[in-house]
C-alpha atoms as a PDB file:
ATOM      1  CA  UNK A   1      -0.005   0.016  -0.208  1.00  0.00           C
ATOM      2  CA  UNK A   2       1.325   3.441  -0.913  1.00  0.00           C
ATOM      3  CA  UNK A   3       2.450   5.538   2.247  1.00  0.00           C
ATOM      4  CA  UNK A   4       2.719   9.429   2.248  1.00  0.00           C
ATOM      5  CA  UNK A   5       5.501  10.677  -0.046  1.00  0.00           C
ATOM      6  CA  UNK A   6       5.781   7.449  -1.828  1.00  0.00           C
ATOM      7  CA  UNK A   7       4.910   6.544  -5.231  1.00  0.00           C
ATOM      8  CA  UNK A   8       5.310   3.089  -7.213  1.00  0.00           C
ATOM      9  CA  UNK A   9       6.271   4.194 -10.140  1.00  0.00           C
ATOM     10  CA  UNK A  10       7.878   6.896 -11.930  1.00  0.00           C
ATOM     11  CA  UNK A  11       7.645   7.620 -15.493  1.00  0.00           C
ATOM     12  CA  UNK A  12      10.115   9.829 -17.392  1.00  0.00           C
ATOM     13  CA  UNK A  13       9.143   9.885 -21.170  1.00  0.00           C
ATOM     14  CA  UNK A  14       9.171   6.024 -21.912  1.00  0.00           C
ATOM     15  CA  UNK A  15      11.135   4.923 -19.120  1.00  0.00           C
ATOM     16  CA  UNK A  16       9.332   3.062 -15.715  1.00  0.00           C
ATOM     17  CA  UNK A  17      11.011   3.320 -12.713  1.00  0.00           C
ATOM     18  CA  UNK A  18       8.979   0.819 -10.721  1.00  0.00           C
ATOM     19  CA  UNK A  19       9.607   1.139  -6.725  1.00  0.00           C
ATOM     20  CA  UNK A  20      10.287  -1.754  -5.282  1.00  0.00           C
ATOM     21  CA  UNK A  21       7.526  -3.815  -4.591  1.00  0.00           C
ATOM     22  CA  UNK A  22       6.631  -5.911  -1.348  1.00  0.00           C
ATOM     23  CA  UNK A  23       4.531  -9.179  -1.643  1.00  0.00           C
ATOM     24  CA  UNK A  24       1.357  -7.322  -0.823  1.00  0.00           C
ATOM     25  CA  UNK A  25      -1.541  -7.906  -2.670  1.00  0.00           C
ATOM     26  CA  UNK A  26      -4.571  -5.251  -3.550  1.00  0.00           C
ATOM     27  CA  UNK A  27      -5.774  -5.259  -0.379  1.00  0.00           C
ATOM     28  CA  UNK A  28      -2.467  -4.598   1.384  1.00  0.00           C
ATOM     29  CA  UNK A  29      -2.447  -8.499   2.658  1.00  0.00           C
ATOM     30  CA  UNK A  30       0.968 -10.178   2.642  1.00  0.00           C
ATOM     31  CA  UNK A  31       1.434 -13.241   0.210  1.00  0.00           C
ATOM     32  CA  UNK A  32       3.267 -16.284   0.962  1.00  0.00           C
ATOM     33  CA  UNK A  33       4.154 -15.650   4.993  1.00  0.00           C
ATOM     34  CA  UNK A  34       7.269 -17.525   4.600  1.00  0.00           C
ATOM     35  CA  UNK A  35       7.628 -18.852   1.278  1.00  0.00           C
ATOM     36  CA  UNK A  36      10.266 -16.925  -0.962  1.00  0.00           C
ATOM     37  CA  UNK A  37       9.029 -17.761  -3.736  1.00  0.00           C
ATOM     38  CA  UNK A  38       5.271 -17.148  -3.388  1.00  0.00           C
ATOM     39  CA  UNK A  39       6.071 -13.523  -2.233  1.00  0.00           C
ATOM     40  CA  UNK A  40       8.607 -12.927  -5.127  1.00  0.00           C
ATOM     41  CA  UNK A  41       5.598 -14.090  -7.558  1.00  0.00           C
ATOM     42  CA  UNK A  42       3.533 -11.700  -5.564  1.00  0.00           C
ATOM     43  CA  UNK A  43       6.181  -8.684  -6.410  1.00  0.00           C
ATOM     44  CA  UNK A  44       6.039  -9.932 -10.153  1.00  0.00           C
ATOM     45  CA  UNK A  45       2.270  -9.401 -10.210  1.00  0.00           C
ATOM     46  CA  UNK A  46       2.249  -6.078  -8.913  1.00  0.00           C
ATOM     47  CA  UNK A  47       5.288  -4.781 -11.546  1.00  0.00           C
ATOM     48  CA  UNK A  48       3.312  -6.476 -14.139  1.00  0.00           C
ATOM     49  CA  UNK A  49       0.013  -4.790 -13.055  1.00  0.00           C
ATOM     50  CA  UNK A  50       2.148  -1.076 -12.618  1.00  0.00           C
ATOM     51  CA  UNK A  51       4.016  -1.504 -16.080  1.00  0.00           C
ATOM     52  CA  UNK A  52       0.291  -2.637 -17.747  1.00  0.00           C
ATOM     53  CA  UNK A  53      -1.251   0.168 -16.247  1.00  0.00           C
ATOM     54  CA  UNK A  54       0.907   2.047 -18.535  1.00  0.00           C
ATOM     55  CA  UNK A  55       0.327   0.273 -21.673  1.00  0.00           C
ATOM     56  CA  UNK A  56       3.420  -1.519 -21.307  1.00  0.00           C
ATOM     57  CA  UNK A  57       4.022  -5.616 -20.965  1.00  0.00           C
ATOM     58  CA  UNK A  58       6.637  -7.747 -18.777  1.00  0.00           C
ATOM     59  CA  UNK A  59       8.768  -7.775 -22.284  1.00  0.00           C
ATOM     60  CA  UNK A  60       9.369  -3.869 -21.837  1.00  0.00           C
ATOM     61  CA  UNK A  61      11.145  -4.973 -18.442  1.00  0.00           C
ATOM     62  CA  UNK A  62      14.771  -4.226 -18.983  1.00  0.00           C
ATOM     63  CA  UNK A  63      16.173  -4.092 -15.506  1.00  0.00           C
ATOM     64  CA  UNK A  64      15.242  -5.984 -12.030  1.00  0.00           C
ATOM     65  CA  UNK A  65      16.803  -5.781  -8.450  1.00  0.00           C
ATOM     66  CA  UNK A  66      15.708  -8.386  -6.229  1.00  0.00           C
ATOM     67  CA  UNK A  67      16.340  -8.126  -2.564  1.00  0.00           C
ATOM     68  CA  UNK A  68      15.924 -10.940  -0.078  1.00  0.00           C
ATOM     69  CA  UNK A  69      16.555 -11.105   3.420  1.00  0.00           C
ATOM     70  CA  UNK A  70      18.367 -14.887   3.104  1.00  0.00           C
ATOM     71  CA  UNK A  71      20.894 -15.345   0.116  1.00  0.00           C
ATOM     72  CA  UNK A  72      19.587 -19.305   0.469  1.00  0.00           C
ATOM     73  CA  UNK A  73      16.404 -17.935  -1.272  1.00  0.00           C
ATOM     74  CA  UNK A  74      18.306 -17.546  -4.371  1.00  0.00           C
ATOM     75  CA  UNK A  75      17.010 -20.843  -6.259  1.00  0.00           C
ATOM     76  CA  UNK A  76      13.306 -19.996  -5.120  1.00  0.00           C
ATOM     77  CA  UNK A  77      13.557 -15.890  -6.713  1.00  0.00           C
ATOM     78  CA  UNK A  78      15.353 -17.377  -9.760  1.00  0.00           C
ATOM     79  CA  UNK A  79      11.756 -19.789 -10.173  1.00  0.00           C
ATOM     80  CA  UNK A  80       9.622 -17.336  -9.285  1.00  0.00           C
ATOM     81  CA  UNK A  81      11.605 -15.071 -12.288  1.00  0.00           C
ATOM     82  CA  UNK A  82      11.354 -17.696 -14.556  1.00  0.00           C
ATOM     83  CA  UNK A  83       7.258 -17.693 -14.439  1.00  0.00           C
ATOM     84  CA  UNK A  84       7.409 -14.271 -15.705  1.00  0.00           C
ATOM     85  CA  UNK A  85      10.425 -13.622 -18.031  1.00  0.00           C
ATOM     86  CA  UNK A  86      11.838 -16.096 -20.917  1.00  0.00           C
ATOM     87  CA  UNK A  87      15.688 -16.366 -20.908  1.00  0.00           C
ATOM     88  CA  UNK A  88      17.845 -14.608 -20.804  1.00  0.00           C
ATOM     89  CA  UNK A  89      15.222 -11.934 -19.441  1.00  0.00           C
ATOM     90  CA  UNK A  90      16.063  -8.624 -17.887  1.00  0.00           C
ATOM     91  CA  UNK A  91      19.056  -7.800 -16.429  1.00  0.00           C
ATOM     92  CA  UNK A  92      19.205  -8.932 -12.716  1.00  0.00           C
ATOM     93  CA  UNK A  93      20.660  -7.878  -9.546  1.00  0.00           C
ATOM     94  CA  UNK A  94      20.336 -10.078  -6.572  1.00  0.00           C
ATOM     95  CA  UNK A  95      21.052  -8.206  -3.210  1.00  0.00           C
ATOM     96  CA  UNK A  96      21.037  -9.626   0.370  1.00  0.00           C
ATOM     97  CA  UNK A  97      19.848  -7.124   3.009  1.00  0.00           C
ATOM     98  CA  UNK A  98      19.170  -7.495   6.534  1.00  0.00           C
ATOM     99  CA  UNK A  99      15.454  -6.522   6.977  1.00  0.00           C
ATOM    100  CA  UNK A 100      12.560  -5.152   4.747  1.00  0.00           C
ATOM    101  CA  UNK A 101      10.131  -2.368   5.299  1.00  0.00           C
ATOM    102  CA  UNK A 102       7.664  -5.085   6.186  1.00  0.00           C
ATOM    103  CA  UNK A 103       9.155  -7.352   8.705  1.00  0.00           C
ATOM    104  CA  UNK A 104       6.857 -10.653   7.498  1.00  0.00           C
ATOM    105  CA  UNK A 105       8.395 -10.070   3.921  1.00  0.00           C
ATOM    106  CA  UNK A 106      11.285 -11.876   2.671  1.00  0.00           C
ATOM    107  CA  UNK A 107      11.558 -10.197  -0.911  1.00  0.00           C
ATOM    108  CA  UNK A 108      11.345  -7.404  -2.337  1.00  0.00           C
ATOM    109  CA  UNK A 109      11.765  -6.507  -6.131  1.00  0.00           C
ATOM    110  CA  UNK A 110      12.121  -3.462  -8.202  1.00  0.00           C
ATOM    111  CA  UNK A 111      12.142  -2.720 -11.892  1.00  0.00           C
ATOM    112  CA  UNK A 112      13.044  -0.579 -14.868  1.00  0.00           C
ATOM    113  CA  UNK A 113      11.019  -0.735 -18.101  1.00  0.00           C
ATOM    114  CA  UNK A 114      11.326   0.993 -21.147  1.00  0.00           C
ATOM    115  CA  UNK A 115       7.786   1.307 -22.846  1.00  0.00           C
ATOM    116  CA  UNK A 116       7.882   0.432 -27.001  1.00  0.00           C
END
């Protein structure tokens, strides 16, 4: 859910900068309690909805950054990524961090898309 002074996306020309998406559904409920793959899938669903709102598709996504609280989640994040992108997919970075804004989340994903 958007917070004060928080935007899910900024558009500059044909480029969308999608803020880090937590695994929250439209009502703000956390999806995939302790399941990193389910959480990543929800993050990608959120990114997809944002990009589609601006007339794009996931094929327009050129860069993703995945944040996780445990590097051991890497395989699960890869499986979720493969659901939404075909190889080679967008450029990708994985960062392990100690915590996310929602303490129950173990995954957050941001994206850059160039509409075309």
